[in-house]
Amino acid sequence: MNVTTVQLNKSLVNNLKEIKEYPRQTYNELISRMIEIFKSIKKKNQYDEFLHKIQQQKMKELWDNREDEAWENA
């Protein structure tokens, strides 16, 4: 296994200690888990943005039409 040393601020190390899922969890495990979560959220956000763009066009079609405008002026 290749290992490297990364320098972190003590406040960051303290934050990492606070969010451990269990006491003996290594920083390597914790950071790996955080990366998995981040990737999942990023993927979900991309999907949500994609859906929003599709829905935006459909909503424009539904709401921007002469039939609705005619009812507003009735």
PDB file of N, CA and C in Angstrom:
ATOM      1  N   MET A   1       0.850  -1.184   0.000  1.00  0.00           N
ATOM      2  CA  MET A   1       0.000   0.000   0.000  1.00  0.00           C
ATOM      3  C   MET A   1       0.889   1.239   0.000  1.00  0.00           C
ATOM      4  N   ASN A   2       0.629   2.151  -0.929  1.00  0.00           N
ATOM      5  CA  ASN A   2       1.366   3.409  -0.961  1.00  0.00           C
ATOM      6  C   ASN A   2       0.717   4.375   0.017  1.00  0.00           C
ATOM      7  N   VAL A   3       1.546   5.037   0.800  1.00  0.00           N
ATOM      8  CA  VAL A   3       1.051   5.961   1.814  1.00  0.00           C
ATOM      9  C   VAL A   3       1.796   7.276   1.662  1.00  0.00           C
ATOM     10  N   THR A   4       1.081   8.358   1.918  1.00  0.00           N
ATOM     11  CA  THR A   4       1.699   9.677   1.870  1.00  0.00           C
ATOM     12  C   THR A   4       1.337  10.450   3.127  1.00  0.00           C
ATOM     13  N   THR A   5       2.064  11.503   3.378  1.00  0.00           N
ATOM     14  CA  THR A   5       1.786  12.368   4.515  1.00  0.00           C
ATOM     15  C   THR A   5       1.145  13.647   3.999  1.00  0.00           C
ATOM     16  N   VAL A   6       0.038  14.022   4.615  1.00  0.00           N
ATOM     17  CA  VAL A   6      -0.660  15.249   4.236  1.00  0.00           C
ATOM     18  C   VAL A   6      -0.724  16.128   5.470  1.00  0.00           C
ATOM     19  N   GLN A   7      -0.356  17.374   5.302  1.00  0.00           N
ATOM     20  CA  GLN A   7      -0.409  18.297   6.432  1.00  0.00           C
ATOM     21  C   GLN A   7      -1.786  18.948   6.489  1.00  0.00           C
ATOM     22  N   LEU A   8      -2.384  18.927   7.686  1.00  0.00           N
ATOM     23  CA  LEU A   8      -3.707  19.505   7.893  1.00  0.00           C
ATOM     24  C   LEU A   8      -3.665  20.453   9.076  1.00  0.00           C
ATOM     25  N   ASN A   9      -4.488  21.480   9.021  1.00  0.00           N
ATOM     26  CA  ASN A   9      -4.617  22.371  10.177  1.00  0.00           C
ATOM     27  C   ASN A   9      -5.211  21.582  11.334  1.00  0.00           C
ATOM     28  N   LYS A  10      -4.800  21.937  12.546  1.00  0.00           N
ATOM     29  CA  LYS A  10      -5.309  21.225  13.725  1.00  0.00           C
ATOM     30  C   LYS A  10      -6.830  21.356  13.844  1.00  0.00           C
ATOM     31  N   SER A  11      -7.357  22.492  13.441  1.00  0.00           N
ATOM     32  CA  SER A  11      -8.813  22.660  13.516  1.00  0.00           C
ATOM     33  C   SER A  11      -9.524  21.685  12.572  1.00  0.00           C
ATOM     34  N   LEU A  12      -8.932  21.426  11.425  1.00  0.00           N
ATOM     35  CA  LEU A  12      -9.513  20.459  10.489  1.00  0.00           C
ATOM     36  C   LEU A  12      -9.438  19.044  11.073  1.00  0.00           C
ATOM     37  N   VAL A  13      -8.328  18.721  11.691  1.00  0.00           N
ATOM     38  CA  VAL A  13      -8.183  17.403  12.319  1.00  0.00           C
ATOM     39  C   VAL A  13      -9.230  17.249  13.424  1.00  0.00           C
ATOM     40  N   ASN A  14      -9.457  18.303  14.192  1.00  0.00           N
ATOM     41  CA  ASN A  14     -10.474  18.251  15.249  1.00  0.00           C
ATOM     42  C   ASN A  14     -11.867  18.050  14.653  1.00  0.00           C
ATOM     43  N   ASN A  15     -12.138  18.715  13.536  1.00  0.00           N
ATOM     44  CA  ASN A  15     -13.425  18.523  12.863  1.00  0.00           C
ATOM     45  C   ASN A  15     -13.569  17.094  12.369  1.00  0.00           C
ATOM     46  N   LEU A  16     -12.517  16.533  11.837  1.00  0.00           N
ATOM     47  CA  LEU A  16     -12.552  15.140  11.384  1.00  0.00           C
ATOM     48  C   LEU A  16     -12.823  14.202  12.561  1.00  0.00           C
ATOM     49  N   LYS A  17     -12.191  14.466  13.686  1.00  0.00           N
ATOM     50  CA  LYS A  17     -12.418  13.641  14.881  1.00  0.00           C
ATOM     51  C   LYS A  17     -13.894  13.676  15.287  1.00  0.00           C
ATOM     52  N   GLU A  18     -14.498  14.847  15.189  1.00  0.00           N
ATOM     53  CA  GLU A  18     -15.898  15.012  15.603  1.00  0.00           C
ATOM     54  C   GLU A  18     -16.874  14.247  14.715  1.00  0.00           C
ATOM     55  N   ILE A  19     -16.538  14.075  13.446  1.00  0.00           N
ATOM     56  CA  ILE A  19     -17.501  13.453  12.539  1.00  0.00           C
ATOM     57  C   ILE A  19     -17.244  11.974  12.278  1.00  0.00           C
ATOM     58  N   LYS A  20     -16.287  11.404  12.986  1.00  0.00           N
ATOM     59  CA  LYS A  20     -16.036   9.968  12.825  1.00  0.00           C
ATOM     60  C   LYS A  20     -17.321   9.201  13.105  1.00  0.00           C
ATOM     61  N   GLU A  21     -17.533   8.152  12.318  1.00  0.00           N
ATOM     62  CA  GLU A  21     -18.733   7.330  12.495  1.00  0.00           C
ATOM     63  C   GLU A  21     -18.578   6.353  13.655  1.00  0.00           C
ATOM     64  N   TYR A  22     -17.358   6.010  13.971  1.00  0.00           N
ATOM     65  CA  TYR A  22     -17.067   5.169  15.131  1.00  0.00           C
ATOM     66  C   TYR A  22     -15.646   5.518  15.607  1.00  0.00           C
ATOM     67  N   PRO A  23     -15.356   5.304  16.885  1.00  0.00           N
ATOM     68  CA  PRO A  23     -14.094   5.786  17.478  1.00  0.00           C
ATOM     69  C   PRO A  23     -12.806   5.334  16.777  1.00  0.00           C
ATOM     70  N   ARG A  24     -12.767   4.109  16.293  1.00  0.00           N
ATOM     71  CA  ARG A  24     -11.523   3.609  15.710  1.00  0.00           C
ATOM     72  C   ARG A  24     -11.439   3.809  14.194  1.00  0.00           C
ATOM     73  N   GLN A  25     -12.362   4.563  13.658  1.00  0.00           N
ATOM     74  CA  GLN A  25     -12.342   4.841  12.220  1.00  0.00           C
ATOM     75  C   GLN A  25     -11.102   5.662  11.877  1.00  0.00           C
ATOM     76  N   THR A  26     -10.387   5.223  10.871  1.00  0.00           N
ATOM     77  CA  THR A  26      -9.172   5.942  10.469  1.00  0.00           C
ATOM     78  C   THR A  26      -9.557   7.157   9.630  1.00  0.00           C
ATOM     79  N   TYR A  27      -8.637   8.103   9.554  1.00  0.00           N
ATOM     80  CA  TYR A  27      -8.877   9.271   8.712  1.00  0.00           C
ATOM     81  C   TYR A  27      -8.988   8.847   7.250  1.00  0.00           C
ATOM     82  N   ASN A  28      -8.240   7.851   6.873  1.00  0.00           N
ATOM     83  CA  ASN A  28      -8.307   7.334   5.513  1.00  0.00           C
ATOM     84  C   ASN A  28      -9.723   6.820   5.204  1.00  0.00           C
ATOM     85  N   GLU A  29     -10.296   6.045   6.129  1.00  0.00           N
ATOM     86  CA  GLU A  29     -11.659   5.543   5.955  1.00  0.00           C
ATOM     87  C   GLU A  29     -12.665   6.691   5.927  1.00  0.00           C
ATOM     88  N   LEU A  30     -12.475   7.614   6.831  1.00  0.00           N
ATOM     89  CA  LEU A  30     -13.394   8.742   6.939  1.00  0.00           C
ATOM     90  C   LEU A  30     -13.373   9.590   5.667  1.00  0.00           C
ATOM     91  N   ILE A  31     -12.210   9.916   5.192  1.00  0.00           N
ATOM     92  CA  ILE A  31     -12.094  10.742   3.987  1.00  0.00           C
ATOM     93  C   ILE A  31     -12.619   9.981   2.769  1.00  0.00           C
ATOM     94  N   SER A  32     -12.362   8.693   2.694  1.00  0.00           N
ATOM     95  CA  SER A  32     -12.910   7.889   1.600  1.00  0.00           C
ATOM     96  C   SER A  32     -14.429   7.932   1.613  1.00  0.00           C
ATOM     97  N   ARG A  33     -15.008   7.799   2.787  1.00  0.00           N
ATOM     98  CA  ARG A  33     -16.475   7.856   2.940  1.00  0.00           C
ATOM     99  C   ARG A  33     -17.002   9.232   2.539  1.00  0.00           C
ATOM    100  N   MET A  34     -16.316  10.278   2.940  1.00  0.00           N
ATOM    101  CA  MET A  34     -16.721  11.641   2.593  1.00  0.00           C
ATOM    102  C   MET A  34     -16.692  11.840   1.071  1.00  0.00           C
ATOM    103  N   ILE A  35     -15.695  11.283   0.422  1.00  0.00           N
ATOM    104  CA  ILE A  35     -15.588  11.380  -1.034  1.00  0.00           C
ATOM    105  C   ILE A  35     -16.752  10.658  -1.703  1.00  0.00           C
ATOM    106  N   GLU A  36     -17.104   9.470  -1.207  1.00  0.00           N
ATOM    107  CA  GLU A  36     -18.256   8.732  -1.748  1.00  0.00           C
ATOM    108  C   GLU A  36     -19.530   9.569  -1.640  1.00  0.00           C
ATOM    109  N   ILE A  37     -19.731  10.166  -0.476  1.00  0.00           N
ATOM    110  CA  ILE A  37     -20.924  10.983  -0.246  1.00  0.00           C
ATOM    111  C   ILE A  37     -20.922  12.191  -1.170  1.00  0.00           C
ATOM    112  N   PHE A  38     -19.789  12.851  -1.287  1.00  0.00           N
ATOM    113  CA  PHE A  38     -19.679  14.024  -2.146  1.00  0.00           C
ATOM    114  C   PHE A  38     -20.002  13.676  -3.596  1.00  0.00           C
ATOM    115  N   LYS A  39     -19.447  12.566  -4.081  1.00  0.00           N
ATOM    116  CA  LYS A  39     -19.707  12.145  -5.463  1.00  0.00           C
ATOM    117  C   LYS A  39     -21.189  11.850  -5.671  1.00  0.00           C
ATOM    118  N   SER A  40     -21.791  11.200  -4.707  1.00  0.00           N
ATOM    119  CA  SER A  40     -23.211  10.866  -4.794  1.00  0.00           C
ATOM    120  C   SER A  40     -24.066  12.131  -4.854  1.00  0.00           C
ATOM    121  N   ILE A  41     -23.750  13.089  -4.012  1.00  0.00           N
ATOM    122  CA  ILE A  41     -24.493  14.354  -3.991  1.00  0.00           C
ATOM    123  C   ILE A  41     -24.289  15.103  -5.303  1.00  0.00           C
ATOM    124  N   LYS A  42     -23.075  15.122  -5.773  1.00  0.00           N
ATOM    125  CA  LYS A  42     -22.769  15.812  -7.027  1.00  0.00           C
ATOM    126  C   LYS A  42     -23.547  15.192  -8.189  1.00  0.00           C
ATOM    127  N   LYS A  43     -23.578  13.858  -8.235  1.00  0.00           N
ATOM    128  CA  LYS A  43     -24.314  13.159  -9.285  1.00  0.00           C
ATOM    129  C   LYS A  43     -25.808  13.472  -9.188  1.00  0.00           C
ATOM    130  N   LYS A  44     -26.343  13.470  -7.967  1.00  0.00           N
ATOM    131  CA  LYS A  44     -27.767  13.762  -7.752  1.00  0.00           C
ATOM    132  C   LYS A  44     -28.076  15.189  -8.186  1.00  0.00           C
ATOM    133  N   ASN A  45     -27.203  16.127  -7.855  1.00  0.00           N
ATOM    134  CA  ASN A  45     -27.425  17.517  -8.244  1.00  0.00           C
ATOM    135  C   ASN A  45     -27.414  17.677  -9.761  1.00  0.00           C
ATOM    136  N   GLN A  46     -26.532  16.957 -10.435  1.00  0.00           N
ATOM    137  CA  GLN A  46     -26.503  17.020 -11.890  1.00  0.00           C
ATOM    138  C   GLN A  46     -27.811  16.477 -12.457  1.00  0.00           C
ATOM    139  N   TYR A  47     -28.312  15.407 -11.886  1.00  0.00           N
ATOM    140  CA  TYR A  47     -29.583  14.822 -12.323  1.00  0.00           C
ATOM    141  C   TYR A  47     -30.726  15.804 -12.072  1.00  0.00           C
ATOM    142  N   ASP A  48     -30.735  16.430 -10.892  1.00  0.00           N
ATOM    143  CA  ASP A  48     -31.778  17.398 -10.564  1.00  0.00           C
ATOM    144  C   ASP A  48     -31.751  18.592 -11.518  1.00  0.00           C
ATOM    145  N   GLU A  49     -30.557  19.067 -11.846  1.00  0.00           N
ATOM    146  CA  GLU A  49     -30.439  20.179 -12.786  1.00  0.00           C
ATOM    147  C   GLU A  49     -30.949  19.776 -14.165  1.00  0.00           C
ATOM    148  N   PHE A  50     -30.632  18.563 -14.585  1.00  0.00           N
ATOM    149  CA  PHE A  50     -31.105  18.045 -15.862  1.00  0.00           C
ATOM    150  C   PHE A  50     -32.643  18.020 -15.885  1.00  0.00           C
ATOM    151  N   LEU A  51     -33.241  17.474 -14.830  1.00  0.00           N
ATOM    152  CA  LEU A  51     -34.707  17.427 -14.757  1.00  0.00           C
ATOM    153  C   LEU A  51     -35.309  18.828 -14.757  1.00  0.00           C
ATOM    154  N   HIS A  52     -34.683  19.724 -14.032  1.00  0.00           N
ATOM    155  CA  HIS A  52     -35.183  21.093 -13.955  1.00  0.00           C
ATOM    156  C   HIS A  52     -35.198  21.742 -15.337  1.00  0.00           C
ATOM    157  N   LYS A  53     -34.136  21.537 -16.108  1.00  0.00           N
ATOM    158  CA  LYS A  53     -34.074  22.118 -17.456  1.00  0.00           C
ATOM    159  C   LYS A  53     -35.169  21.546 -18.346  1.00  0.00           C
ATOM    160  N   ILE A  54     -35.399  20.248 -18.245  1.00  0.00           N
ATOM    161  CA  ILE A  54     -36.464  19.621 -19.037  1.00  0.00           C
ATOM    162  C   ILE A  54     -37.827  20.160 -18.606  1.00  0.00           C
ATOM    163  N   GLN A  55     -38.053  20.232 -17.313  1.00  0.00           N
ATOM    164  CA  GLN A  55     -39.332  20.690 -16.791  1.00  0.00           C
ATOM    165  C   GLN A  55     -39.572  22.158 -17.117  1.00  0.00           C
ATOM    166  N   GLN A  56     -38.505  22.940 -17.147  1.00  0.00           N
ATOM    167  CA  GLN A  56     -38.627  24.359 -17.440  1.00  0.00           C
ATOM    168  C   GLN A  56     -39.282  24.572 -18.803  1.00  0.00           C
ATOM    169  N   GLN A  57     -38.829  23.853 -19.811  1.00  0.00           N
ATOM    170  CA  GLN A  57     -39.388  23.976 -21.155  1.00  0.00           C
ATOM    171  C   GLN A  57     -40.854  23.546 -21.178  1.00  0.00           C
ATOM    172  N   LYS A  58     -41.162  22.435 -20.511  1.00  0.00           N
ATOM    173  CA  LYS A  58     -42.542  21.942 -20.488  1.00  0.00           C
ATOM    174  C   LYS A  58     -43.454  22.931 -19.770  1.00  0.00           C
ATOM    175  N   MET A  59     -43.002  23.494 -18.661  1.00  0.00           N
ATOM    176  CA  MET A  59     -43.810  24.468 -17.927  1.00  0.00           C
ATOM    177  C   MET A  59     -44.054  25.712 -18.778  1.00  0.00           C
ATOM    178  N   LYS A  60     -43.049  26.105 -19.531  1.00  0.00           N
ATOM    179  CA  LYS A  60     -43.211  27.248 -20.432  1.00  0.00           C
ATOM    180  C   LYS A  60     -44.303  26.942 -21.465  1.00  0.00           C
ATOM    181  N   GLU A  61     -44.292  25.734 -22.006  1.00  0.00           N
ATOM    182  CA  GLU A  61     -45.318  25.324 -22.970  1.00  0.00           C
ATOM    183  C   GLU A  61     -46.706  25.348 -22.330  1.00  0.00           C
ATOM    184  N   LEU A  62     -46.794  24.867 -21.090  1.00  0.00           N
ATOM    185  CA  LEU A  62     -48.089  24.777 -20.419  1.00  0.00           C
ATOM    186  C   LEU A  62     -48.643  26.139 -20.009  1.00  0.00           C
ATOM    187  N   TRP A  63     -47.792  27.019 -19.563  1.00  0.00           N
ATOM    188  CA  TRP A  63     -48.255  28.281 -18.998  1.00  0.00           C
ATOM    189  C   TRP A  63     -48.250  29.433 -19.997  1.00  0.00           C
ATOM    190  N   ASP A  64     -47.394  29.407 -20.968  1.00  0.00           N
ATOM    191  CA  ASP A  64     -47.327  30.494 -21.948  1.00  0.00           C
ATOM    192  C   ASP A  64     -48.134  30.124 -23.185  1.00  0.00           C
ATOM    193  N   ASN A  65     -49.455  30.209 -23.065  1.00  0.00           N
ATOM    194  CA  ASN A  65     -50.298  29.905 -24.221  1.00  0.00           C
ATOM    195  C   ASN A  65     -51.484  30.867 -24.264  1.00  0.00           C
ATOM    196  N   ARG A  66     -52.042  31.010 -25.429  1.00  0.00           N
ATOM    197  CA  ARG A  66     -53.121  31.994 -25.637  1.00  0.00           C
ATOM    198  C   ARG A  66     -54.412  31.613 -24.913  1.00  0.00           C
ATOM    199  N   GLU A  67     -54.667  30.309 -24.773  1.00  0.00           N
ATOM    200  CA  GLU A  67     -55.898  29.879 -24.095  1.00  0.00           C
ATOM    201  C   GLU A  67     -55.935  30.387 -22.659  1.00  0.00           C
ATOM    202  N   ASP A  68     -54.814  30.267 -21.951  1.00  0.00           N
ATOM    203  CA  ASP A  68     -54.765  30.768 -20.572  1.00  0.00           C
ATOM    204  C   ASP A  68     -54.876  32.280 -20.529  1.00  0.00           C
ATOM    205  N   GLU A  69     -54.233  32.951 -21.481  1.00  0.00           N
ATOM    206  CA  GLU A  69     -54.311  34.395 -21.518  1.00  0.00           C
ATOM    207  C   GLU A  69     -55.741  34.868 -21.776  1.00  0.00           C
ATOM    208  N   ALA A  70     -56.461  34.143 -22.615  1.00  0.00           N
ATOM    209  CA  ALA A  70     -57.853  34.492 -22.893  1.00  0.00           C
ATOM    210  C   ALA A  70     -58.708  34.402 -21.617  1.00  0.00           C
ATOM    211  N   TRP A  71     -58.463  33.379 -20.806  1.00  0.00           N
ATOM    212  CA  TRP A  71     -59.212  33.231 -19.545  1.00  0.00           C
ATOM    213  C   TRP A  71     -58.881  34.333 -18.558  1.00  0.00           C
ATOM    214  N   GLU A  72     -57.629  34.786 -18.574  1.00  0.00           N
ATOM    215  CA  GLU A  72     -57.232  35.855 -17.648  1.00  0.00           C
ATOM    216  C   GLU A  72     -57.977  37.147 -17.972  1.00  0.00           C
ATOM    217  N   ASN A  73     -58.284  37.354 -19.236  1.00  0.00           N
ATOM    218  CA  ASN A  73     -58.949  38.602 -19.654  1.00  0.00           C
ATOM    219  C   ASN A  73     -60.460  38.456 -19.758  1.00  0.00           C
ATOM    220  N   ALA A  74     -61.010  37.311 -19.355  1.00  0.00           N
ATOM    221  CA  ALA A  74     -62.456  37.079 -19.482  1.00  0.00           C
ATOM    222  C   ALA A  74     -63.224  37.849 -18.435  1.00  0.00           C
TER     223      ALA A  74
END
